[in-house]
Amino acid sequence: MKGNKAHKMALVISITAFVFMAGAMLAVLYVSEGDKDKPTAITMVVLPLVLGAIGYYLMRAWFARELVASAAAVSDNQDAALGKSGEMPMAGSAAGKTNGNSVGSLSQIISQVNGDVAQWAREKENEIAVLRNTEKFRREYIGNVSHELKTPLFNIQGYIETLIDGGLKDDEINMVYLERTDRNILRLISIVQDLDTISKFESGMLKLAQDNFDLVDLVEEVLDFNDKKANDKHIALKLNNTTNAPVMVYADKDKMYDVISNLVINSINYGNEGGTTEVVISDIENKFLLEVRDNGIGIAEKDLGRVFERFYRVDKSRSKQSGGTGLG
């Protein structure tokens, strides 16, 4: 067939080239034996070399043409296979076998490798985009935490300097400044505790101290503690226990307090002045549901899917206006 023909042609050309080259070598030996006719000697040496070179280049051209023809046949077979199934035939498939040579298999392998590399590149590109977004959120988060730490520190520094400069002897202002200093210290402690909690969560070292307690009593504690903050914004705090009975749960009381407190504080921070923050406890199929409702600015629909993303903040401008680290 075509392959046998190629082998025969290659053999003929190779033998021909060899014969001409051998003739050239014999001619050189002949000329070197003595004084021969110079033109004849040159002809005997040069002619076999020229013919041998021509034969060599003809052989190269013929092989190149055969290789291009084989590649074109492989391409036609692949196009036909794609037109029927919509998929690239793998090496060893029926389409690949019809080629009858290694060129087809090599072409298919290269195509498969190219596809795998392209898919890998797309996956890595997506991973890099996610990492960049996460790093962006982390930087913003650290910036917010830094701001929250500096505010109470500068306040404490100002109050203490005032007391040192003589305010401590003034009974009208010394207790006021000491109380403000104490509140700012508590704020710093709260931020540090939140950061420590996040660190333990990420490292898997956080241990829960679970116990039985009344959820209603816990919510009342949270509302009582944040009553002054709500009054400053003229926001009413309400508890609506639809079960009309104690709600006993088994959980980590301190962590539950933090969660509920963060929800209530966010509701106050982002609530409209003169509005209401209501905590509702419901019994749904033997499971308790706790909701915090308000009439605040809410969260845009486009951001709802990212509410539980670490370091993500819906709107930086609103966060700075309302305060808070978002650590909860």
C-alpha atoms as a PDB file:
ATOM      1  CA  MET A   1       0.000   0.000   0.000  1.00  0.00           C
ATOM      2  CA  LYS A   2       1.052   3.605   0.504  1.00  0.00           C
ATOM      3  CA  GLY A   3       3.384   2.732   3.356  1.00  0.00           C
ATOM      4  CA  ASN A   4       5.156  -0.026   1.336  1.00  0.00           C
ATOM      5  CA  LYS A   5       5.528   2.340  -1.610  1.00  0.00           C
ATOM      6  CA  ALA A   6       7.157   4.908   0.634  1.00  0.00           C
ATOM      7  CA  HIS A   7       9.593   2.362   1.992  1.00  0.00           C
ATOM      8  CA  LYS A   8      10.538   1.176  -1.519  1.00  0.00           C
ATOM      9  CA  MET A   9      11.048   4.723  -2.780  1.00  0.00           C
ATOM     10  CA  ALA A  10      13.202   5.576   0.207  1.00  0.00           C
ATOM     11  CA  LEU A  11      15.284   2.446  -0.370  1.00  0.00           C
ATOM     12  CA  VAL A  12      15.797   3.222  -4.070  1.00  0.00           C
ATOM     13  CA  ILE A  13      16.808   6.823  -3.393  1.00  0.00           C
ATOM     14  CA  SER A  14      19.154   5.781  -0.602  1.00  0.00           C
ATOM     15  CA  ILE A  15      20.855   3.151  -2.805  1.00  0.00           C
ATOM     16  CA  THR A  16      21.179   5.631  -5.673  1.00  0.00           C
ATOM     17  CA  ALA A  17      22.742   8.249  -3.429  1.00  0.00           C
ATOM     18  CA  PHE A  18      25.084   5.633  -1.991  1.00  0.00           C
ATOM     19  CA  VAL A  19      26.182   4.525  -5.461  1.00  0.00           C
ATOM     20  CA  PHE A  20      26.935   8.081  -6.557  1.00  0.00           C
ATOM     21  CA  MET A  21      28.835   8.819  -3.360  1.00  0.00           C
ATOM     22  CA  ALA A  22      30.815   5.595  -3.727  1.00  0.00           C
ATOM     23  CA  GLY A  23      31.605   6.539  -7.316  1.00  0.00           C
ATOM     24  CA  ALA A  24      32.900   9.874  -6.157  1.00  0.00           C
ATOM     25  CA  MET A  25      35.183   8.218  -3.638  1.00  0.00           C
ATOM     26  CA  LEU A  26      36.532   5.790  -6.258  1.00  0.00           C
ATOM     27  CA  ALA A  27      37.120   8.712  -8.623  1.00  0.00           C
ATOM     28  CA  VAL A  28      39.157  10.474  -5.988  1.00  0.00           C
ATOM     29  CA  LEU A  29      41.279   7.350  -5.508  1.00  0.00           C
ATOM     30  CA  TYR A  30      41.689   7.017  -9.265  1.00  0.00           C
ATOM     31  CA  VAL A  31      42.863  10.608  -9.681  1.00  0.00           C
ATOM     32  CA  SER A  32      45.280  10.335  -6.780  1.00  0.00           C
ATOM     33  CA  GLU A  33      47.120   7.388  -8.373  1.00  0.00           C
ATOM     34  CA  GLY A  34      48.864   9.505 -10.948  1.00  0.00           C
ATOM     35  CA  ASP A  35      48.726  12.284 -13.447  1.00  0.00           C
ATOM     36  CA  LYS A  36      45.400  11.852 -15.149  1.00  0.00           C
ATOM     37  CA  ASP A  37      43.687  14.136 -17.611  1.00  0.00           C
ATOM     38  CA  LYS A  38      42.672  17.075 -15.407  1.00  0.00           C
ATOM     39  CA  PRO A  39      39.220  17.855 -16.932  1.00  0.00           C
ATOM     40  CA  THR A  40      38.331  14.189 -16.980  1.00  0.00           C
ATOM     41  CA  ALA A  41      39.437  13.751 -13.383  1.00  0.00           C
ATOM     42  CA  ILE A  42      37.443  16.746 -12.198  1.00  0.00           C
ATOM     43  CA  THR A  43      34.374  15.467 -14.020  1.00  0.00           C
ATOM     44  CA  MET A  44      34.740  12.012 -12.451  1.00  0.00           C
ATOM     45  CA  VAL A  45      34.939  13.540  -8.973  1.00  0.00           C
ATOM     46  CA  VAL A  46      32.388  16.335  -9.209  1.00  0.00           C
ATOM     47  CA  LEU A  47      29.664  14.560 -11.193  1.00  0.00           C
ATOM     48  CA  PRO A  48      28.991  11.784  -8.631  1.00  0.00           C
ATOM     49  CA  LEU A  49      29.007  14.363  -5.829  1.00  0.00           C
ATOM     50  CA  VAL A  50      26.503  16.569  -7.630  1.00  0.00           C
ATOM     51  CA  LEU A  51      24.261  13.641  -8.497  1.00  0.00           C
ATOM     52  CA  GLY A  52      24.479  12.357  -4.930  1.00  0.00           C
ATOM     53  CA  ALA A  53      23.519  15.769  -3.532  1.00  0.00           C
ATOM     54  CA  ILE A  54      20.586  16.031  -5.931  1.00  0.00           C
ATOM     55  CA  GLY A  55      19.419  12.579  -4.906  1.00  0.00           C
ATOM     56  CA  TYR A  56      19.666  13.510  -1.212  1.00  0.00           C
ATOM     57  CA  TYR A  57      17.595  16.687  -1.598  1.00  0.00           C
ATOM     58  CA  LEU A  58      15.024  14.884  -3.744  1.00  0.00           C
ATOM     59  CA  MET A  59      14.685  12.293  -0.997  1.00  0.00           C
ATOM     60  CA  ARG A  60      14.146  14.998   1.641  1.00  0.00           C
ATOM     61  CA  ALA A  61      11.543  16.785  -0.473  1.00  0.00           C
ATOM     62  CA  TRP A  62       9.679  13.550  -1.140  1.00  0.00           C
ATOM     63  CA  PHE A  63       9.570  12.611   2.573  1.00  0.00           C
ATOM     64  CA  ALA A  64       8.357  16.107   3.513  1.00  0.00           C
ATOM     65  CA  ARG A  65       5.532  15.867   0.968  1.00  0.00           C
ATOM     66  CA  GLU A  66       4.516  12.442   2.281  1.00  0.00           C
ATOM     67  CA  LEU A  67       4.507  13.737   5.877  1.00  0.00           C
ATOM     68  CA  VAL A  68       2.263  16.690   4.964  1.00  0.00           C
ATOM     69  CA  ALA A  69      -0.100  14.367   3.095  1.00  0.00           C
ATOM     70  CA  SER A  70      -0.313  12.042   6.113  1.00  0.00           C
ATOM     71  CA  ALA A  71      -1.034  14.950   8.460  1.00  0.00           C
ATOM     72  CA  ALA A  72      -3.772  16.218   6.125  1.00  0.00           C
ATOM     73  CA  ALA A  73      -5.349  12.759   6.085  1.00  0.00           C
ATOM     74  CA  VAL A  74      -5.326  12.686   9.891  1.00  0.00           C
ATOM     75  CA  SER A  75      -6.976  16.111  10.022  1.00  0.00           C
ATOM     76  CA  ASP A  76      -9.701  15.015   7.581  1.00  0.00           C
ATOM     77  CA  ASN A  77     -10.406  11.885   9.629  1.00  0.00           C
ATOM     78  CA  GLN A  78     -10.632  13.904  12.859  1.00  0.00           C
ATOM     79  CA  ASP A  79     -12.968  16.466  11.268  1.00  0.00           C
ATOM     80  CA  ALA A  80     -15.197  13.656  10.047  1.00  0.00           C
ATOM     81  CA  ALA A  81     -15.242  12.060  13.498  1.00  0.00           C
ATOM     82  CA  LEU A  82     -16.045  15.385  15.163  1.00  0.00           C
ATOM     83  CA  GLY A  83     -18.876  16.002  12.730  1.00  0.00           C
ATOM     84  CA  LYS A  84     -20.536  12.750  13.801  1.00  0.00           C
ATOM     85  CA  SER A  85     -20.033  12.685  17.556  1.00  0.00           C
ATOM     86  CA  GLY A  86     -18.929  16.216  18.532  1.00  0.00           C
ATOM     87  CA  GLU A  87     -15.950  14.761  20.433  1.00  0.00           C
ATOM     88  CA  MET A  88     -12.268  14.377  19.648  1.00  0.00           C
ATOM     89  CA  PRO A  89     -11.454  10.679  19.001  1.00  0.00           C
ATOM     90  CA  MET A  90      -8.904   9.273  21.423  1.00  0.00           C
ATOM     91  CA  ALA A  91      -5.772   7.420  20.346  1.00  0.00           C
ATOM     92  CA  GLY A  92      -6.716   3.802  19.724  1.00  0.00           C
ATOM     93  CA  SER A  93     -10.306   4.596  18.700  1.00  0.00           C
ATOM     94  CA  ALA A  94     -11.776   3.554  15.380  1.00  0.00           C
ATOM     95  CA  ALA A  95     -10.973   6.936  13.810  1.00  0.00           C
ATOM     96  CA  GLY A  96      -7.400   6.732  15.041  1.00  0.00           C
ATOM     97  CA  LYS A  97      -6.897   3.202  13.737  1.00  0.00           C
ATOM     98  CA  THR A  98      -7.961   4.140  10.215  1.00  0.00           C
ATOM     99  CA  ASN A  99      -4.892   6.325   9.857  1.00  0.00           C
ATOM    100  CA  GLY A 100      -2.617   3.300   9.961  1.00  0.00           C
ATOM    101  CA  ASN A 101       0.458   5.266  11.057  1.00  0.00           C
ATOM    102  CA  SER A 102       2.054   6.874  14.112  1.00  0.00           C
ATOM    103  CA  VAL A 103       1.410  10.411  12.844  1.00  0.00           C
ATOM    104  CA  GLY A 104      -2.309  10.098  13.572  1.00  0.00           C
ATOM    105  CA  SER A 105      -1.719   8.844  17.110  1.00  0.00           C
ATOM    106  CA  LEU A 106       0.756  11.640  17.779  1.00  0.00           C
ATOM    107  CA  SER A 107      -1.687  14.265  16.527  1.00  0.00           C
ATOM    108  CA  GLN A 108      -4.445  12.913  18.766  1.00  0.00           C
ATOM    109  CA  ILE A 109      -2.157  12.837  21.802  1.00  0.00           C
ATOM    110  CA  ILE A 110      -1.109  16.442  21.191  1.00  0.00           C
ATOM    111  CA  SER A 111      -4.754  17.492  20.875  1.00  0.00           C
ATOM    112  CA  GLN A 112      -5.627  15.725  24.129  1.00  0.00           C
ATOM    113  CA  VAL A 113      -2.674  17.304  25.941  1.00  0.00           C
ATOM    114  CA  ASN A 114      -3.640  20.751  24.643  1.00  0.00           C
ATOM    115  CA  GLY A 115      -7.174  20.251  25.942  1.00  0.00           C
ATOM    116  CA  ASP A 116      -5.942  19.130  29.360  1.00  0.00           C
ATOM    117  CA  VAL A 117      -3.544  22.079  29.601  1.00  0.00           C
ATOM    118  CA  ALA A 118      -6.295  24.534  28.649  1.00  0.00           C
ATOM    119  CA  GLN A 119      -8.643  23.082  31.271  1.00  0.00           C
ATOM    120  CA  TRP A 120      -5.911  23.185  33.930  1.00  0.00           C
ATOM    121  CA  ALA A 121      -5.161  26.824  33.037  1.00  0.00           C
ATOM    122  CA  ARG A 122      -8.837  27.774  33.390  1.00  0.00           C
ATOM    123  CA  GLU A 123      -9.066  26.082  36.788  1.00  0.00           C
ATOM    124  CA  LYS A 124      -5.919  27.814  38.037  1.00  0.00           C
ATOM    125  CA  GLU A 125      -7.160  31.146  36.724  1.00  0.00           C
ATOM    126  CA  ASN A 126     -10.362  30.742  38.751  1.00  0.00           C
ATOM    127  CA  GLU A 127      -8.386  29.750  41.854  1.00  0.00           C
ATOM    128  CA  ILE A 128      -6.144  32.802  41.489  1.00  0.00           C
ATOM    129  CA  ALA A 129      -9.187  35.076  41.156  1.00  0.00           C
ATOM    130  CA  VAL A 130     -10.684  33.621  44.360  1.00  0.00           C
ATOM    131  CA  LEU A 131      -7.383  34.059  46.216  1.00  0.00           C
ATOM    132  CA  ARG A 132      -7.077  37.653  45.045  1.00  0.00           C
ATOM    133  CA  ASN A 133     -10.594  38.463  46.227  1.00  0.00           C
ATOM    134  CA  THR A 134      -9.969  36.752  49.563  1.00  0.00           C
ATOM    135  CA  GLU A 135      -6.724  38.664  50.016  1.00  0.00           C
ATOM    136  CA  LYS A 136      -8.518  41.906  49.175  1.00  0.00           C
ATOM    137  CA  PHE A 137     -11.180  41.194  51.803  1.00  0.00           C
ATOM    138  CA  ARG A 138      -8.484  40.269  54.314  1.00  0.00           C
ATOM    139  CA  ARG A 139      -6.643  43.565  53.778  1.00  0.00           C
ATOM    140  CA  GLU A 140      -9.877  45.529  54.181  1.00  0.00           C
ATOM    141  CA  TYR A 141     -10.709  43.509  57.275  1.00  0.00           C
ATOM    142  CA  ILE A 142      -7.297  44.155  58.849  1.00  0.00           C
ATOM    143  CA  GLY A 143      -7.668  47.844  58.031  1.00  0.00           C
ATOM    144  CA  ASN A 144     -11.043  47.932  59.796  1.00  0.00           C
ATOM    145  CA  VAL A 145      -9.657  46.116  62.842  1.00  0.00           C
ATOM    146  CA  SER A 146      -6.688  48.504  62.963  1.00  0.00           C
ATOM    147  CA  HIS A 147      -9.078  51.453  62.921  1.00  0.00           C
ATOM    148  CA  GLU A 148     -11.188  49.943  65.694  1.00  0.00           C
ATOM    149  CA  LEU A 149      -8.099  49.334  67.833  1.00  0.00           C
ATOM    150  CA  LYS A 150      -6.717  52.838  67.354  1.00  0.00           C
ATOM    151  CA  THR A 151      -9.937  54.610  68.320  1.00  0.00           C
ATOM    152  CA  PRO A 152     -10.180  53.364  71.948  1.00  0.00           C
ATOM    153  CA  LEU A 153      -6.396  53.559  72.364  1.00  0.00           C
ATOM    154  CA  PHE A 154      -6.311  57.224  71.381  1.00  0.00           C
ATOM    155  CA  ASN A 155      -9.314  57.913  73.619  1.00  0.00           C
ATOM    156  CA  ILE A 156      -7.614  56.248  76.581  1.00  0.00           C
ATOM    157  CA  GLN A 157      -4.430  58.187  75.898  1.00  0.00           C
ATOM    158  CA  GLY A 158      -6.328  61.486  75.816  1.00  0.00           C
ATOM    159  CA  TYR A 159      -8.253  60.808  79.035  1.00  0.00           C
ATOM    160  CA  ILE A 160      -5.123  59.749  80.943  1.00  0.00           C
ATOM    161  CA  GLU A 161      -3.119  62.760  79.745  1.00  0.00           C
ATOM    162  CA  THR A 162      -5.934  65.057  80.894  1.00  0.00           C
ATOM    163  CA  LEU A 163      -5.982  63.401  84.322  1.00  0.00           C
ATOM    164  CA  ILE A 164      -2.188  63.629  84.616  1.00  0.00           C
ATOM    165  CA  ASP A 165      -2.232  67.320  83.670  1.00  0.00           C
ATOM    166  CA  GLY A 166      -4.433  68.128  86.662  1.00  0.00           C
ATOM    167  CA  GLY A 167      -7.797  66.648  85.883  1.00  0.00           C
ATOM    168  CA  LEU A 168      -7.316  64.012  88.555  1.00  0.00           C
ATOM    169  CA  LYS A 169      -7.671  66.712  91.213  1.00  0.00           C
ATOM    170  CA  ASP A 170     -10.921  67.984  89.699  1.00  0.00           C
ATOM    171  CA  ASP A 171     -13.762  66.004  91.237  1.00  0.00           C
ATOM    172  CA  GLU A 172     -16.138  67.052  88.460  1.00  0.00           C
ATOM    173  CA  ILE A 173     -14.198  65.447  85.645  1.00  0.00           C
ATOM    174  CA  ASN A 174     -11.926  62.795  87.161  1.00  0.00           C
ATOM    175  CA  MET A 175     -14.667  60.145  87.592  1.00  0.00           C
ATOM    176  CA  VAL A 176     -16.151  60.943  84.179  1.00  0.00           C
ATOM    177  CA  TYR A 177     -12.811  60.454  82.453  1.00  0.00           C
ATOM    178  CA  LEU A 178     -12.025  57.326  84.469  1.00  0.00           C
ATOM    179  CA  GLU A 179     -15.380  55.789  83.467  1.00  0.00           C
ATOM    180  CA  ARG A 180     -14.756  56.637  79.808  1.00  0.00           C
ATOM    181  CA  THR A 181     -11.299  55.114  80.054  1.00  0.00           C
ATOM    182  CA  ASP A 182     -12.808  51.967  81.539  1.00  0.00           C
ATOM    183  CA  ARG A 183     -15.354  51.691  78.694  1.00  0.00           C
ATOM    184  CA  ASN A 184     -12.616  52.021  76.086  1.00  0.00           C
ATOM    185  CA  ILE A 185     -10.531  49.372  77.833  1.00  0.00           C
ATOM    186  CA  LEU A 186     -13.523  47.013  77.763  1.00  0.00           C
ATOM    187  CA  ARG A 187     -13.868  47.762  74.051  1.00  0.00           C
ATOM    188  CA  LEU A 188     -10.238  46.804  73.471  1.00  0.00           C
ATOM    189  CA  ILE A 189     -10.694  43.591  75.440  1.00  0.00           C
ATOM    190  CA  SER A 190     -13.751  42.731  73.347  1.00  0.00           C
ATOM    191  CA  ILE A 191     -11.847  43.225  70.074  1.00  0.00           C
ATOM    192  CA  VAL A 192      -8.908  41.115  71.261  1.00  0.00           C
ATOM    193  CA  GLN A 193     -11.261  38.351  72.403  1.00  0.00           C
ATOM    194  CA  ASP A 194     -12.974  38.365  69.009  1.00  0.00           C
ATOM    195  CA  LEU A 195      -9.626  38.066  67.239  1.00  0.00           C
ATOM    196  CA  ASP A 196      -8.622  35.221  69.540  1.00  0.00           C
ATOM    197  CA  THR A 197     -11.896  33.424  68.825  1.00  0.00           C
ATOM    198  CA  ILE A 198     -11.358  33.728  65.060  1.00  0.00           C
ATOM    199  CA  SER A 199      -7.813  32.386  65.408  1.00  0.00           C
ATOM    200  CA  LYS A 200      -9.043  29.365  67.366  1.00  0.00           C
ATOM    201  CA  PHE A 201     -11.827  28.726  64.860  1.00  0.00           C
ATOM    202  CA  GLU A 202      -9.363  28.690  61.956  1.00  0.00           C
ATOM    203  CA  SER A 203      -6.888  26.424  63.752  1.00  0.00           C
ATOM    204  CA  GLY A 204      -9.585  24.037  65.005  1.00  0.00           C
ATOM    205  CA  MET A 205      -8.624  24.670  68.636  1.00  0.00           C
ATOM    206  CA  LEU A 206     -11.901  26.241  69.754  1.00  0.00           C
ATOM    207  CA  LYS A 207     -13.629  24.120  72.394  1.00  0.00           C
ATOM    208  CA  LEU A 208     -17.301  24.542  73.219  1.00  0.00           C
ATOM    209  CA  ALA A 209     -18.461  24.456  76.840  1.00  0.00           C
ATOM    210  CA  GLN A 210     -21.979  23.138  76.292  1.00  0.00           C
ATOM    211  CA  ASP A 211     -24.638  23.186  78.982  1.00  0.00           C
ATOM    212  CA  ASN A 212     -28.414  23.494  79.446  1.00  0.00           C
ATOM    213  CA  PHE A 213     -29.835  27.014  79.784  1.00  0.00           C
ATOM    214  CA  ASP A 214     -32.931  29.065  79.019  1.00  0.00           C
ATOM    215  CA  LEU A 215     -32.574  30.888  75.708  1.00  0.00           C
ATOM    216  CA  VAL A 216     -35.217  33.436  76.720  1.00  0.00           C
ATOM    217  CA  ASP A 217     -33.174  34.509  79.755  1.00  0.00           C
ATOM    218  CA  LEU A 218     -30.063  34.821  77.587  1.00  0.00           C
ATOM    219  CA  VAL A 219     -31.824  37.074  75.059  1.00  0.00           C
ATOM    220  CA  GLU A 220     -33.096  39.287  77.894  1.00  0.00           C
ATOM    221  CA  GLU A 221     -29.505  39.677  79.138  1.00  0.00           C
ATOM    222  CA  VAL A 222     -28.363  40.758  75.669  1.00  0.00           C
ATOM    223  CA  LEU A 223     -31.184  43.287  75.321  1.00  0.00           C
ATOM    224  CA  ASP A 224     -30.566  44.712  78.789  1.00  0.00           C
ATOM    225  CA  PHE A 225     -26.853  45.144  78.086  1.00  0.00           C
ATOM    226  CA  ASN A 226     -27.501  46.992  74.787  1.00  0.00           C
ATOM    227  CA  ASP A 227     -30.408  49.065  76.072  1.00  0.00           C
ATOM    228  CA  LYS A 228     -28.363  52.278  76.421  1.00  0.00           C
ATOM    229  CA  LYS A 229     -26.875  51.902  72.928  1.00  0.00           C
ATOM    230  CA  ALA A 230     -30.378  51.501  71.497  1.00  0.00           C
ATOM    231  CA  ASN A 231     -31.725  54.481  73.454  1.00  0.00           C
ATOM    232  CA  ASP A 232     -28.990  56.698  72.024  1.00  0.00           C
ATOM    233  CA  LYS A 233     -30.431  56.012  68.554  1.00  0.00           C
ATOM    234  CA  HIS A 234     -34.024  56.051  69.802  1.00  0.00           C
ATOM    235  CA  ILE A 235     -34.436  52.390  68.826  1.00  0.00           C
ATOM    236  CA  ALA A 236     -36.815  50.202  70.827  1.00  0.00           C
ATOM    237  CA  LEU A 237     -35.666  46.695  71.817  1.00  0.00           C
ATOM    238  CA  LYS A 238     -38.331  43.975  72.025  1.00  0.00           C
ATOM    239  CA  LEU A 239     -38.446  40.246  72.793  1.00  0.00           C
ATOM    240  CA  ASN A 240     -41.234  38.171  71.260  1.00  0.00           C
ATOM    241  CA  ASN A 241     -41.279  34.620  72.646  1.00  0.00           C
ATOM    242  CA  THR A 242     -44.013  32.931  70.622  1.00  0.00           C
ATOM    243  CA  THR A 243     -43.674  29.726  72.660  1.00  0.00           C
ATOM    244  CA  ASN A 244     -44.889  31.499  75.849  1.00  0.00           C
ATOM    245  CA  ALA A 245     -42.645  29.159  77.845  1.00  0.00           C
ATOM    246  CA  PRO A 246     -39.000  28.718  78.812  1.00  0.00           C
ATOM    247  CA  VAL A 247     -36.847  27.634  75.851  1.00  0.00           C
ATOM    248  CA  MET A 248     -34.289  25.159  77.153  1.00  0.00           C
ATOM    249  CA  VAL A 249     -31.327  24.505  74.851  1.00  0.00           C
ATOM    250  CA  TYR A 250     -28.037  22.627  75.104  1.00  0.00           C
ATOM    251  CA  ALA A 251     -25.191  24.776  73.758  1.00  0.00           C
ATOM    252  CA  ASP A 252     -22.210  26.954  74.659  1.00  0.00           C
ATOM    253  CA  LYS A 253     -23.874  29.810  76.518  1.00  0.00           C
ATOM    254  CA  ASP A 254     -21.044  32.312  76.089  1.00  0.00           C
ATOM    255  CA  LYS A 255     -20.801  31.716  72.338  1.00  0.00           C
ATOM    256  CA  MET A 256     -24.573  31.952  71.965  1.00  0.00           C
ATOM    257  CA  TYR A 257     -24.474  35.237  73.852  1.00  0.00           C
ATOM    258  CA  ASP A 258     -21.815  36.552  71.444  1.00  0.00           C
ATOM    259  CA  VAL A 259     -23.827  35.506  68.377  1.00  0.00           C
ATOM    260  CA  ILE A 260     -27.081  37.060  69.576  1.00  0.00           C
ATOM    261  CA  SER A 261     -25.284  40.175  70.812  1.00  0.00           C
ATOM    262  CA  ASN A 262     -23.571  40.677  67.433  1.00  0.00           C
ATOM    263  CA  LEU A 263     -26.905  40.384  65.626  1.00  0.00           C
ATOM    264  CA  VAL A 264     -28.580  42.862  67.963  1.00  0.00           C
ATOM    265  CA  ILE A 265     -25.669  45.324  67.800  1.00  0.00           C
ATOM    266  CA  ASN A 266     -25.618  45.175  63.985  1.00  0.00           C
ATOM    267  CA  SER A 267     -29.356  45.774  63.978  1.00  0.00           C
ATOM    268  CA  ILE A 268     -28.888  48.854  66.154  1.00  0.00           C
ATOM    269  CA  ASN A 269     -25.912  50.127  64.138  1.00  0.00           C
ATOM    270  CA  TYR A 270     -27.666  49.822  60.791  1.00  0.00           C
ATOM    271  CA  GLY A 271     -31.200  50.479  62.004  1.00  0.00           C
ATOM    272  CA  ASN A 272     -33.091  53.655  61.259  1.00  0.00           C
ATOM    273  CA  GLU A 273     -33.382  56.132  64.105  1.00  0.00           C
ATOM    274  CA  GLY A 274     -36.725  55.768  65.844  1.00  0.00           C
ATOM    275  CA  GLY A 275     -37.108  52.178  64.638  1.00  0.00           C
ATOM    276  CA  THR A 276     -37.403  48.820  66.400  1.00  0.00           C
ATOM    277  CA  THR A 277     -35.126  45.814  66.903  1.00  0.00           C
ATOM    278  CA  GLU A 278     -37.167  42.724  67.728  1.00  0.00           C
ATOM    279  CA  VAL A 279     -35.868  39.297  68.748  1.00  0.00           C
ATOM    280  CA  VAL A 280     -38.379  36.557  67.908  1.00  0.00           C
ATOM    281  CA  ILE A 281     -38.175  32.992  69.275  1.00  0.00           C
ATOM    282  CA  SER A 282     -40.346  30.366  67.558  1.00  0.00           C
ATOM    283  CA  ASP A 283     -40.875  26.602  67.867  1.00  0.00           C
ATOM    284  CA  ILE A 284     -40.864  24.986  64.410  1.00  0.00           C
ATOM    285  CA  GLU A 285     -41.192  21.188  64.316  1.00  0.00           C
ATOM    286  CA  ASN A 286     -39.469  20.732  67.679  1.00  0.00           C
ATOM    287  CA  LYS A 287     -36.662  23.098  66.671  1.00  0.00           C
ATOM    288  CA  PHE A 288     -36.228  26.620  67.978  1.00  0.00           C
ATOM    289  CA  LEU A 289     -35.789  29.489  65.533  1.00  0.00           C
ATOM    290  CA  LEU A 290     -34.298  32.795  66.698  1.00  0.00           C
ATOM    291  CA  GLU A 291     -34.737  35.839  64.443  1.00  0.00           C
ATOM    292  CA  VAL A 292     -33.582  39.439  64.777  1.00  0.00           C
ATOM    293  CA  ARG A 293     -35.881  41.790  62.873  1.00  0.00           C
ATOM    294  CA  ASP A 294     -35.537  45.515  62.257  1.00  0.00           C
ATOM    295  CA  ASN A 295     -36.451  48.273  59.834  1.00  0.00           C
ATOM    296  CA  GLY A 296     -32.867  49.088  58.879  1.00  0.00           C
ATOM    297  CA  ILE A 297     -31.208  49.532  55.508  1.00  0.00           C
ATOM    298  CA  GLY A 298     -30.978  45.779  54.890  1.00  0.00           C
ATOM    299  CA  ILE A 299     -28.630  43.890  52.579  1.00  0.00           C
ATOM    300  CA  ALA A 300     -28.697  44.150  48.796  1.00  0.00           C
ATOM    301  CA  GLU A 301     -29.846  41.015  46.994  1.00  0.00           C
ATOM    302  CA  LYS A 302     -26.546  40.764  45.099  1.00  0.00           C
ATOM    303  CA  ASP A 303     -24.682  40.441  48.422  1.00  0.00           C
ATOM    304  CA  LEU A 304     -26.918  37.870  50.131  1.00  0.00           C
ATOM    305  CA  GLY A 305     -24.916  34.932  48.793  1.00  0.00           C
ATOM    306  CA  ARG A 306     -21.742  36.287  50.397  1.00  0.00           C
ATOM    307  CA  VAL A 307     -23.068  37.037  53.882  1.00  0.00           C
ATOM    308  CA  PHE A 308     -21.178  34.111  55.437  1.00  0.00           C
ATOM    309  CA  GLU A 309     -17.924  34.717  53.556  1.00  0.00           C
ATOM    310  CA  ARG A 310     -14.988  35.424  55.831  1.00  0.00           C
ATOM    311  CA  PHE A 311     -13.662  38.994  55.702  1.00  0.00           C
ATOM    312  CA  TYR A 312     -16.483  40.100  53.397  1.00  0.00           C
ATOM    313  CA  ARG A 313     -18.263  43.365  54.131  1.00  0.00           C
ATOM    314  CA  VAL A 314     -21.291  44.397  52.134  1.00  0.00           C
ATOM    315  CA  ASP A 315     -20.590  48.122  51.979  1.00  0.00           C
ATOM    316  CA  LYS A 316     -17.426  49.693  53.370  1.00  0.00           C
ATOM    317  CA  SER A 317     -18.880  53.198  53.464  1.00  0.00           C
ATOM    318  CA  ARG A 318     -21.859  52.035  55.526  1.00  0.00           C
ATOM    319  CA  SER A 319     -19.573  50.073  57.850  1.00  0.00           C
ATOM    320  CA  LYS A 320     -17.430  53.113  58.591  1.00  0.00           C
ATOM    321  CA  GLN A 321     -20.468  55.277  59.215  1.00  0.00           C
ATOM    322  CA  SER A 322     -22.081  52.770  61.551  1.00  0.00           C
ATOM    323  CA  GLY A 323     -18.948  51.476  63.283  1.00  0.00           C
ATOM    324  CA  GLY A 324     -18.105  47.950  64.352  1.00  0.00           C
ATOM    325  CA  THR A 325     -15.455  45.500  63.203  1.00  0.00           C
ATOM    326  CA  GLY A 326     -17.679  42.825  61.746  1.00  0.00           C
ATOM    327  CA  LEU A 327     -15.662  40.246  63.692  1.00  0.00           C
ATOM    328  CA  GLY A 328     -18.743  38.340  64.770  1.00  0.00           C
END
